[in-house]
C-alpha atoms as a PDB file:
ATOM      1  CA  UNK A   1     245.411 187.012  38.979  1.00  0.00           C
ATOM      2  CA  UNK A   2     245.319 190.806  39.133  1.00  0.00           C
ATOM      3  CA  UNK A   3     241.527 190.813  38.861  1.00  0.00           C
ATOM      4  CA  UNK A   4     241.099 188.282  41.640  1.00  0.00           C
ATOM      5  CA  UNK A   5     242.917 190.303  44.342  1.00  0.00           C
ATOM      6  CA  UNK A   6     240.554 193.311  44.342  1.00  0.00           C
ATOM      7  CA  UNK A   7     237.530 191.018  44.399  1.00  0.00           C
ATOM      8  CA  UNK A   8     239.014 189.005  47.241  1.00  0.00           C
ATOM      9  CA  UNK A   9     239.897 192.154  49.194  1.00  0.00           C
ATOM     10  CA  UNK A  10     236.427 193.618  48.641  1.00  0.00           C
ATOM     11  CA  UNK A  11     234.770 190.351  49.675  1.00  0.00           C
ATOM     12  CA  UNK A  12     236.906 190.088  52.828  1.00  0.00           C
ATOM     13  CA  UNK A  13     236.134 193.700  53.763  1.00  0.00           C
ATOM     14  CA  UNK A  14     232.401 193.111  53.278  1.00  0.00           C
ATOM     15  CA  UNK A  15     232.482 189.986  55.451  1.00  0.00           C
ATOM     16  CA  UNK A  16     234.446 191.759  58.208  1.00  0.00           C
ATOM     17  CA  UNK A  17     232.065 194.710  58.129  1.00  0.00           C
ATOM     18  CA  UNK A  18     229.016 192.460  58.366  1.00  0.00           C
ATOM     19  CA  UNK A  19     230.518 190.466  61.247  1.00  0.00           C
ATOM     20  CA  UNK A  20     231.484 193.559  63.225  1.00  0.00           C
ATOM     21  CA  UNK A  21     228.066 195.156  62.715  1.00  0.00           C
ATOM     22  CA  UNK A  22     226.326 191.925  63.661  1.00  0.00           C
ATOM     23  CA  UNK A  23     228.385 191.590  66.823  1.00  0.00           C
ATOM     24  CA  UNK A  24     227.530 195.106  67.963  1.00  0.00           C
ATOM     25  CA  UNK A  25     223.822 194.872  67.246  1.00  0.00           C
ATOM     26  CA  UNK A  26     223.170 192.924  70.437  1.00  0.00           C
ATOM     27  CA  UNK A  27     224.917 195.575  72.529  1.00  0.00           C
ATOM     28  CA  UNK A  28     223.194 198.519  70.862  1.00  0.00           C
ATOM     29  CA  UNK A  29     219.724 197.779  72.186  1.00  0.00           C
ATOM     30  CA  UNK A  30     220.685 195.933  75.367  1.00  0.00           C
ATOM     31  CA  UNK A  31     217.881 195.415  77.842  1.00  0.00           C
ATOM     32  CA  UNK A  32     216.654 198.998  77.730  1.00  0.00           C
ATOM     33  CA  UNK A  33     213.635 199.791  75.559  1.00  0.00           C
ATOM     34  CA  UNK A  34     214.161 202.122  72.652  1.00  0.00           C
ATOM     35  CA  UNK A  35     213.387 205.769  73.369  1.00  0.00           C
ATOM     36  CA  UNK A  36     211.011 207.804  71.250  1.00  0.00           C
ATOM     37  CA  UNK A  37     212.500 210.248  68.772  1.00  0.00           C
ATOM     38  CA  UNK A  38     210.742 213.181  70.425  1.00  0.00           C
ATOM     39  CA  UNK A  39     212.395 212.278  73.752  1.00  0.00           C
ATOM     40  CA  UNK A  40     215.803 212.137  72.098  1.00  0.00           C
ATOM     41  CA  UNK A  41     215.349 215.512  70.393  1.00  0.00           C
ATOM     42  CA  UNK A  42     213.863 217.172  73.494  1.00  0.00           C
ATOM     43  CA  UNK A  43     217.161 218.441  74.974  1.00  0.00           C
ATOM     44  CA  UNK A  44     217.908 220.296  71.755  1.00  0.00           C
ATOM     45  CA  UNK A  45     214.575 222.086  71.635  1.00  0.00           C
ATOM     46  CA  UNK A  46     214.321 225.536  73.138  1.00  0.00           C
ATOM     47  CA  UNK A  47     210.631 225.296  74.034  1.00  0.00           C
ATOM     48  CA  UNK A  48     209.227 224.309  77.406  1.00  0.00           C
ATOM     49  CA  UNK A  49     206.197 222.213  78.138  1.00  0.00           C
ATOM     50  CA  UNK A  50     203.193 223.900  79.717  1.00  0.00           C
ATOM     51  CA  UNK A  51     204.074 222.573  83.178  1.00  0.00           C
ATOM     52  CA  UNK A  52     207.691 223.742  82.813  1.00  0.00           C
ATOM     53  CA  UNK A  53     206.516 227.189  81.702  1.00  0.00           C
ATOM     54  CA  UNK A  54     204.239 227.525  84.720  1.00  0.00           C
ATOM     55  CA  UNK A  55     206.996 226.362  87.077  1.00  0.00           C
ATOM     56  CA  UNK A  56     209.476 228.837  85.591  1.00  0.00           C
ATOM     57  CA  UNK A  57     207.007 231.731  85.827  1.00  0.00           C
ATOM     58  CA  UNK A  58     206.171 230.876  89.438  1.00  0.00           C
ATOM     59  CA  UNK A  59     209.855 230.646  90.324  1.00  0.00           C
ATOM     60  CA  UNK A  60     210.608 234.009  88.703  1.00  0.00           C
ATOM     61  CA  UNK A  61     207.674 235.659  90.461  1.00  0.00           C
ATOM     62  CA  UNK A  62     208.803 234.250  93.826  1.00  0.00           C
ATOM     63  CA  UNK A  63     212.344 235.490  93.237  1.00  0.00           C
ATOM     64  CA  UNK A  64     211.093 238.948  92.237  1.00  0.00           C
ATOM     65  CA  UNK A  65     208.886 239.130  95.337  1.00  0.00           C
ATOM     66  CA  UNK A  66     211.725 237.970  97.569  1.00  0.00           C
ATOM     67  CA  UNK A  67     214.071 240.529  96.006  1.00  0.00           C
ATOM     68  CA  UNK A  68     211.471 243.265  96.440  1.00  0.00           C
ATOM     69  CA  UNK A  69     210.943 242.329 100.113  1.00  0.00           C
ATOM     70  CA  UNK A  70     214.673 242.178 100.762  1.00  0.00           C
ATOM     71  CA  UNK A  71     215.151 245.554  99.128  1.00  0.00           C
ATOM     72  CA  UNK A  72     212.466 247.058 101.366  1.00  0.00           C
ATOM     73  CA  UNK A  73     214.099 245.610 104.490  1.00  0.00           C
ATOM     74  CA  UNK A  74     217.477 247.042 103.535  1.00  0.00           C
ATOM     75  CA  UNK A  75     215.995 250.494 103.032  1.00  0.00           C
ATOM     76  CA  UNK A  76     214.077 250.402 106.310  1.00  0.00           C
ATOM     77  CA  UNK A  77     217.022 249.178 108.393  1.00  0.00           C
ATOM     78  CA  UNK A  78     219.584 251.469 106.863  1.00  0.00           C
ATOM     79  CA  UNK A  79     219.849 254.796 108.570  1.00  0.00           C
ATOM     80  CA  UNK A  80     221.654 257.803 107.254  1.00  0.00           C
ATOM     81  CA  UNK A  81     223.549 259.650 109.950  1.00  0.00           C
ATOM     82  CA  UNK A  82     225.333 262.841 109.089  1.00  0.00           C
ATOM     83  CA  UNK A  83     229.055 262.934 109.629  1.00  0.00           C
ATOM     84  CA  UNK A  84     230.197 264.706 112.776  1.00  0.00           C
ATOM     85  CA  UNK A  85     231.272 268.266 112.088  1.00  0.00           C
ATOM     86  CA  UNK A  86     234.826 269.026 113.059  1.00  0.00           C
END
């Protein structure tokens, strides 16, 4: 009798595990197609694609040019007037 209980418990656990995994398998895939591994790993990579690199460089150059133009406008509009002598 003592040898039957562990076997029965193990068998019941195996059946429950198989049933729960089988029930979830339909929900795992759903109607969406599976994504490629490279697409799943992409957010964790630190590299950019060629198009992303070009877009980032262009954006940085535009920001630098805008900052340079704004800096020039501030210098040209700012006037230094000496304080009135008392």
